[in-house]
Amino acid sequence: MRNRCASPTANCYARYGGRGIKVCDRWASFAKFLADMGPRPTRHSIERINTDGNYEPSNCRWASQAEQARNTSYNRYFERGGLRLTMADWADRLGLSRSTVNVRLHRGKTEAQALGLEP
């Protein structure tokens, strides 16, 4: 977390520190980080809720790899009936293969068409 935000030689620096993502000053102390976040649960890592926001108590949580995969700037969202989900979440809810939905999208279908909600 600190390295990718502060070290220009870090592999992921361009996606973090290079675009202005910072670690809050409070977390310079590990004791304060631990007090804010609690111990890391098994198979979880720190995630920023708002992927454009900083690493700070109000914007971070422990998340599994699957949860983190749903919270990236690469995800495509669709809203219907007041419910906004990723296309992957919609596919899961509707019992569709994610790859089928992706193929439909790449063929130029709208989100609703790719999900089989419209002709």
N, C-alpha and C. Protein backbone atom coordinates (compact mmCIF):
# COMPACT_ATOMS: atom_id res chain seq x y z
N MET A 1 0.83 -1.18 0.00
CA MET A 1 0.00 0.00 0.00
C MET A 1 0.88 1.26 0.00
N ARG A 2 1.78 1.32 0.94
CA ARG A 2 2.65 2.51 1.01
C ARG A 2 3.57 2.60 -0.21
N ASN A 3 4.15 1.46 -0.58
CA ASN A 3 5.11 1.44 -1.68
C ASN A 3 4.47 1.88 -2.99
N ARG A 4 3.32 1.33 -3.32
CA ARG A 4 2.70 1.68 -4.60
C ARG A 4 2.17 3.11 -4.64
N CYS A 5 2.02 3.73 -3.48
CA CYS A 5 1.57 5.12 -3.45
C CYS A 5 2.73 6.11 -3.38
N ALA A 6 3.87 5.69 -2.87
CA ALA A 6 4.95 6.64 -2.62
C ALA A 6 6.23 6.41 -3.43
N SER A 7 6.40 5.22 -3.99
CA SER A 7 7.66 4.92 -4.65
C SER A 7 7.50 4.86 -6.17
N PRO A 8 8.02 5.84 -6.90
CA PRO A 8 7.89 5.85 -8.36
C PRO A 8 8.50 4.63 -9.04
N THR A 9 9.35 3.88 -8.34
CA THR A 9 9.95 2.68 -8.94
C THR A 9 9.09 1.43 -8.70
N ALA A 10 8.02 1.54 -7.94
CA ALA A 10 7.13 0.40 -7.69
C ALA A 10 6.38 0.04 -8.96
N ASN A 11 6.15 -1.25 -9.18
CA ASN A 11 5.45 -1.73 -10.38
C ASN A 11 4.12 -1.03 -10.63
N CYS A 12 3.32 -0.87 -9.61
CA CYS A 12 1.97 -0.34 -9.76
C CYS A 12 1.87 1.16 -9.48
N TYR A 13 2.99 1.83 -9.33
CA TYR A 13 2.97 3.24 -8.94
C TYR A 13 2.07 4.09 -9.85
N ALA A 14 2.12 3.87 -11.15
CA ALA A 14 1.34 4.68 -12.09
C ALA A 14 -0.15 4.61 -11.79
N ARG A 15 -0.64 3.45 -11.31
CA ARG A 15 -2.06 3.28 -11.03
C ARG A 15 -2.45 3.78 -9.63
N TYR A 16 -1.46 4.11 -8.82
CA TYR A 16 -1.73 4.56 -7.45
C TYR A 16 -1.13 5.95 -7.23
N GLY A 17 0.09 6.00 -6.72
CA GLY A 17 0.72 7.29 -6.44
C GLY A 17 0.81 8.18 -7.67
N GLY A 18 1.01 7.57 -8.83
CA GLY A 18 1.12 8.33 -10.06
C GLY A 18 -0.15 9.06 -10.44
N ARG A 19 -1.28 8.61 -9.93
CA ARG A 19 -2.53 9.33 -10.20
C ARG A 19 -3.09 10.02 -8.96
N GLY A 20 -2.21 10.17 -7.96
CA GLY A 20 -2.56 10.98 -6.80
C GLY A 20 -3.10 10.25 -5.59
N ILE A 21 -3.15 8.92 -5.62
CA ILE A 21 -3.64 8.16 -4.46
C ILE A 21 -2.58 8.21 -3.37
N LYS A 22 -3.02 8.51 -2.15
CA LYS A 22 -2.10 8.64 -1.01
C LYS A 22 -2.58 7.77 0.15
N VAL A 23 -1.69 7.54 1.10
CA VAL A 23 -2.02 6.89 2.36
C VAL A 23 -2.14 8.01 3.39
N CYS A 24 -3.21 8.00 4.17
CA CYS A 24 -3.43 9.08 5.14
C CYS A 24 -2.26 9.15 6.14
N ASP A 25 -2.01 10.34 6.64
CA ASP A 25 -0.92 10.56 7.59
C ASP A 25 -1.09 9.72 8.87
N ARG A 26 -2.33 9.52 9.29
CA ARG A 26 -2.59 8.75 10.51
C ARG A 26 -1.99 7.36 10.41
N TRP A 27 -1.99 6.78 9.23
CA TRP A 27 -1.52 5.41 9.06
C TRP A 27 0.00 5.31 8.93
N ALA A 28 0.70 6.39 9.18
CA ALA A 28 2.16 6.31 9.29
C ALA A 28 2.52 5.48 10.52
N SER A 29 1.58 5.41 11.46
CA SER A 29 1.72 4.58 12.66
C SER A 29 0.95 3.27 12.44
N PHE A 30 1.66 2.15 12.49
CA PHE A 30 0.98 0.86 12.31
C PHE A 30 -0.06 0.64 13.40
N ALA A 31 0.22 1.09 14.62
CA ALA A 31 -0.73 0.92 15.72
C ALA A 31 -2.05 1.62 15.40
N LYS A 32 -1.98 2.80 14.80
CA LYS A 32 -3.20 3.52 14.44
C LYS A 32 -3.92 2.85 13.26
N PHE A 33 -3.14 2.33 12.30
CA PHE A 33 -3.73 1.58 11.20
C PHE A 33 -4.49 0.38 11.75
N LEU A 34 -3.86 -0.37 12.66
CA LEU A 34 -4.47 -1.55 13.26
C LEU A 34 -5.72 -1.17 14.07
N ALA A 35 -5.65 -0.05 14.78
CA ALA A 35 -6.81 0.40 15.55
C ALA A 35 -7.98 0.73 14.61
N ASP A 36 -7.68 1.31 13.47
CA ASP A 36 -8.74 1.68 12.52
C ASP A 36 -9.28 0.49 11.75
N MET A 37 -8.40 -0.41 11.32
CA MET A 37 -8.80 -1.49 10.41
C MET A 37 -9.03 -2.83 11.11
N GLY A 38 -8.41 -3.01 12.27
CA GLY A 38 -8.48 -4.31 12.92
C GLY A 38 -7.54 -5.28 12.24
N PRO A 39 -7.39 -6.47 12.80
CA PRO A 39 -6.49 -7.45 12.19
C PRO A 39 -7.01 -7.90 10.82
N ARG A 40 -6.10 -8.27 9.94
CA ARG A 40 -6.48 -8.71 8.60
C ARG A 40 -7.12 -10.10 8.69
N PRO A 41 -8.35 -10.23 8.18
CA PRO A 41 -8.96 -11.56 8.14
C PRO A 41 -8.22 -12.46 7.15
N THR A 42 -8.29 -13.75 7.36
CA THR A 42 -7.66 -14.73 6.47
C THR A 42 -8.16 -14.52 5.05
N ARG A 43 -7.22 -14.57 4.10
CA ARG A 43 -7.50 -14.45 2.66
C ARG A 43 -8.14 -13.12 2.26
N HIS A 44 -7.89 -12.08 3.01
CA HIS A 44 -8.37 -10.74 2.69
C HIS A 44 -7.19 -9.79 2.58
N SER A 45 -7.39 -8.72 1.86
CA SER A 45 -6.40 -7.65 1.80
C SER A 45 -7.14 -6.33 1.80
N ILE A 46 -6.39 -5.27 1.96
CA ILE A 46 -7.01 -3.96 2.07
C ILE A 46 -7.55 -3.51 0.70
N GLU A 47 -8.72 -2.90 0.73
CA GLU A 47 -9.36 -2.41 -0.48
C GLU A 47 -9.87 -1.00 -0.25
N ARG A 48 -9.72 -0.16 -1.27
CA ARG A 48 -10.34 1.16 -1.24
C ARG A 48 -11.75 1.05 -1.79
N ILE A 49 -12.74 1.49 -1.05
CA ILE A 49 -14.13 1.41 -1.48
C ILE A 49 -14.34 2.26 -2.72
N ASN A 50 -13.88 3.50 -2.66
CA ASN A 50 -13.87 4.37 -3.84
C ASN A 50 -12.48 4.24 -4.44
N THR A 51 -12.40 3.63 -5.63
CA THR A 51 -11.09 3.35 -6.22
C THR A 51 -10.34 4.61 -6.63
N ASP A 52 -11.00 5.75 -6.61
CA ASP A 52 -10.32 7.02 -6.89
C ASP A 52 -9.92 7.74 -5.60
N GLY A 53 -10.30 7.18 -4.45
CA GLY A 53 -10.01 7.81 -3.17
C GLY A 53 -8.72 7.31 -2.55
N ASN A 54 -8.34 7.94 -1.47
CA ASN A 54 -7.10 7.62 -0.76
C ASN A 54 -7.28 6.43 0.17
N TYR A 55 -6.14 5.93 0.64
CA TYR A 55 -6.14 4.92 1.70
C TYR A 55 -6.34 5.68 3.00
N GLU A 56 -7.53 5.56 3.58
CA GLU A 56 -7.89 6.22 4.83
C GLU A 56 -9.04 5.45 5.46
N PRO A 57 -9.26 5.61 6.77
CA PRO A 57 -10.26 4.79 7.46
C PRO A 57 -11.65 4.80 6.82
N SER A 58 -12.10 5.93 6.35
CA SER A 58 -13.45 6.01 5.80
C SER A 58 -13.56 5.42 4.39
N ASN A 59 -12.44 5.08 3.77
CA ASN A 59 -12.48 4.58 2.40
C ASN A 59 -11.87 3.19 2.25
N CYS A 60 -11.58 2.52 3.35
CA CYS A 60 -10.92 1.21 3.25
C CYS A 60 -11.68 0.15 4.03
N ARG A 61 -11.51 -1.07 3.58
CA ARG A 61 -12.08 -2.25 4.25
C ARG A 61 -11.22 -3.45 3.90
N TRP A 62 -11.41 -4.54 4.65
CA TRP A 62 -10.78 -5.80 4.30
C TRP A 62 -11.72 -6.49 3.32
N ALA A 63 -11.17 -6.99 2.21
CA ALA A 63 -12.00 -7.62 1.19
C ALA A 63 -11.32 -8.86 0.64
N SER A 64 -12.14 -9.82 0.25
CA SER A 64 -11.62 -11.03 -0.39
C SER A 64 -11.22 -10.70 -1.83
N GLN A 65 -10.54 -11.62 -2.46
CA GLN A 65 -10.12 -11.41 -3.85
C GLN A 65 -11.35 -11.25 -4.76
N ALA A 66 -12.39 -12.03 -4.51
CA ALA A 66 -13.62 -11.93 -5.32
C ALA A 66 -14.28 -10.56 -5.13
N GLU A 67 -14.32 -10.07 -3.90
CA GLU A 67 -14.90 -8.74 -3.65
C GLU A 67 -14.10 -7.66 -4.35
N GLN A 68 -12.77 -7.79 -4.30
CA GLN A 68 -11.93 -6.79 -4.93
C GLN A 68 -12.07 -6.81 -6.45
N ALA A 69 -12.29 -7.97 -7.01
CA ALA A 69 -12.47 -8.06 -8.46
C ALA A 69 -13.72 -7.32 -8.91
N ARG A 70 -14.69 -7.19 -8.00
CA ARG A 70 -15.92 -6.48 -8.33
C ARG A 70 -15.78 -4.97 -8.15
N ASN A 71 -14.68 -4.53 -7.57
CA ASN A 71 -14.50 -3.11 -7.25
C ASN A 71 -13.26 -2.56 -7.94
N THR A 72 -13.26 -2.59 -9.26
CA THR A 72 -12.15 -2.02 -10.00
C THR A 72 -12.68 -1.00 -10.98
N SER A 73 -11.80 -0.16 -11.46
CA SER A 73 -12.21 0.85 -12.43
C SER A 73 -12.49 0.24 -13.80
N TYR A 74 -12.18 -1.04 -13.97
CA TYR A 74 -12.42 -1.71 -15.26
C TYR A 74 -13.83 -2.28 -15.37
N ASN A 75 -14.55 -2.39 -14.27
CA ASN A 75 -15.88 -2.98 -14.29
C ASN A 75 -16.88 -2.11 -15.06
N ARG A 76 -17.80 -2.78 -15.68
CA ARG A 76 -18.88 -2.11 -16.40
C ARG A 76 -20.14 -2.30 -15.56
N TYR A 77 -20.87 -1.21 -15.33
CA TYR A 77 -22.06 -1.25 -14.49
C TYR A 77 -23.32 -1.09 -15.32
N PHE A 78 -24.42 -1.64 -14.80
CA PHE A 78 -25.73 -1.52 -15.43
C PHE A 78 -26.74 -1.31 -14.32
N GLU A 79 -27.67 -0.37 -14.56
CA GLU A 79 -28.70 -0.09 -13.57
C GLU A 79 -30.07 -0.40 -14.15
N ARG A 80 -30.86 -1.11 -13.37
CA ARG A 80 -32.22 -1.43 -13.79
C ARG A 80 -33.07 -1.55 -12.53
N GLY A 81 -34.23 -0.92 -12.55
CA GLY A 81 -35.13 -0.99 -11.40
C GLY A 81 -34.51 -0.44 -10.13
N GLY A 82 -33.64 0.56 -10.27
CA GLY A 82 -33.00 1.17 -9.12
C GLY A 82 -31.84 0.37 -8.54
N LEU A 83 -31.48 -0.73 -9.18
CA LEU A 83 -30.38 -1.58 -8.71
C LEU A 83 -29.19 -1.44 -9.66
N ARG A 84 -28.06 -0.98 -9.14
CA ARG A 84 -26.85 -0.79 -9.93
C ARG A 84 -25.84 -1.86 -9.54
N LEU A 85 -25.52 -2.73 -10.51
CA LEU A 85 -24.58 -3.82 -10.26
C LEU A 85 -23.59 -3.91 -11.41
N THR A 86 -22.49 -4.62 -11.17
CA THR A 86 -21.57 -4.89 -12.26
C THR A 86 -22.25 -5.87 -13.21
N MET A 87 -21.76 -5.92 -14.43
CA MET A 87 -22.30 -6.86 -15.39
C MET A 87 -22.10 -8.29 -14.90
N ALA A 88 -20.98 -8.56 -14.24
CA ALA A 88 -20.73 -9.89 -13.70
C ALA A 88 -21.77 -10.25 -12.64
N ASP A 89 -22.12 -9.30 -11.77
CA ASP A 89 -23.15 -9.55 -10.76
C ASP A 89 -24.51 -9.79 -11.40
N TRP A 90 -24.82 -8.99 -12.44
CA TRP A 90 -26.09 -9.21 -13.15
C TRP A 90 -26.11 -10.60 -13.79
N ALA A 91 -25.01 -10.98 -14.42
CA ALA A 91 -24.95 -12.30 -15.05
C ALA A 91 -25.19 -13.39 -14.01
N ASP A 92 -24.55 -13.28 -12.85
CA ASP A 92 -24.73 -14.27 -11.79
C ASP A 92 -26.19 -14.32 -11.34
N ARG A 93 -26.79 -13.17 -11.13
CA ARG A 93 -28.19 -13.10 -10.67
C ARG A 93 -29.16 -13.71 -11.68
N LEU A 94 -28.84 -13.52 -12.96
CA LEU A 94 -29.74 -13.99 -14.01
C LEU A 94 -29.40 -15.39 -14.50
N GLY A 95 -28.38 -16.00 -13.91
CA GLY A 95 -28.01 -17.35 -14.28
C GLY A 95 -27.35 -17.45 -15.65
N LEU A 96 -26.67 -16.39 -16.05
CA LEU A 96 -26.00 -16.36 -17.34
C LEU A 96 -24.50 -16.55 -17.17
N SER A 97 -23.88 -17.07 -18.19
CA SER A 97 -22.43 -17.18 -18.21
C SER A 97 -21.84 -15.78 -18.42
N ARG A 98 -20.85 -15.43 -17.63
CA ARG A 98 -20.20 -14.12 -17.81
C ARG A 98 -19.56 -14.02 -19.18
N SER A 99 -19.01 -15.12 -19.67
CA SER A 99 -18.38 -15.06 -20.99
C SER A 99 -19.41 -14.81 -22.08
N THR A 100 -20.61 -15.37 -21.95
CA THR A 100 -21.68 -15.11 -22.93
C THR A 100 -22.03 -13.63 -22.93
N VAL A 101 -22.18 -13.07 -21.75
CA VAL A 101 -22.50 -11.64 -21.63
C VAL A 101 -21.39 -10.80 -22.26
N ASN A 102 -20.14 -11.14 -21.99
CA ASN A 102 -19.02 -10.38 -22.56
C ASN A 102 -18.98 -10.47 -24.08
N VAL A 103 -19.24 -11.66 -24.62
CA VAL A 103 -19.26 -11.81 -26.08
C VAL A 103 -20.36 -10.93 -26.68
N ARG A 104 -21.52 -10.93 -26.07
CA ARG A 104 -22.62 -10.10 -26.56
C ARG A 104 -22.25 -8.62 -26.53
N LEU A 105 -21.61 -8.19 -25.46
CA LEU A 105 -21.19 -6.79 -25.36
C LEU A 105 -20.17 -6.45 -26.44
N HIS A 106 -19.21 -7.34 -26.67
CA HIS A 106 -18.20 -7.10 -27.70
C HIS A 106 -18.79 -7.09 -29.10
N ARG A 107 -19.93 -7.72 -29.26
CA ARG A 107 -20.62 -7.71 -30.56
C ARG A 107 -21.51 -6.49 -30.73
N GLY A 108 -21.48 -5.59 -29.75
CA GLY A 108 -22.20 -4.33 -29.88
C GLY A 108 -23.58 -4.29 -29.25
N LYS A 109 -23.96 -5.33 -28.53
CA LYS A 109 -25.25 -5.33 -27.86
C LYS A 109 -25.23 -4.34 -26.70
N THR A 110 -26.38 -3.81 -26.36
CA THR A 110 -26.48 -2.96 -25.17
C THR A 110 -26.38 -3.85 -23.94
N GLU A 111 -26.21 -3.25 -22.78
CA GLU A 111 -26.15 -4.02 -21.54
C GLU A 111 -27.42 -4.85 -21.37
N ALA A 112 -28.59 -4.23 -21.59
CA ALA A 112 -29.87 -4.93 -21.42
C ALA A 112 -29.98 -6.10 -22.40
N GLN A 113 -29.53 -5.91 -23.62
CA GLN A 113 -29.57 -7.00 -24.61
C GLN A 113 -28.59 -8.11 -24.24
N ALA A 114 -27.41 -7.74 -23.78
CA ALA A 114 -26.41 -8.73 -23.40
C ALA A 114 -26.90 -9.59 -22.24
N LEU A 115 -27.73 -9.01 -21.38
CA LEU A 115 -28.27 -9.74 -20.25
C LEU A 115 -29.57 -10.45 -20.57
N GLY A 116 -30.03 -10.33 -21.82
CA GLY A 116 -31.27 -11.00 -22.23
C GLY A 116 -32.52 -10.32 -21.70
N LEU A 117 -32.41 -9.06 -21.32
CA LEU A 117 -33.56 -8.32 -20.77
C LEU A 117 -34.36 -7.58 -21.83
N GLU A 118 -33.75 -7.43 -23.00
CA GLU A 118 -34.40 -6.77 -24.14
C GLU A 118 -33.99 -7.52 -25.41
N PRO A 119 -34.84 -7.50 -26.44
CA PRO A 119 -34.50 -8.16 -27.70
C PRO A 119 -33.36 -7.47 -28.43
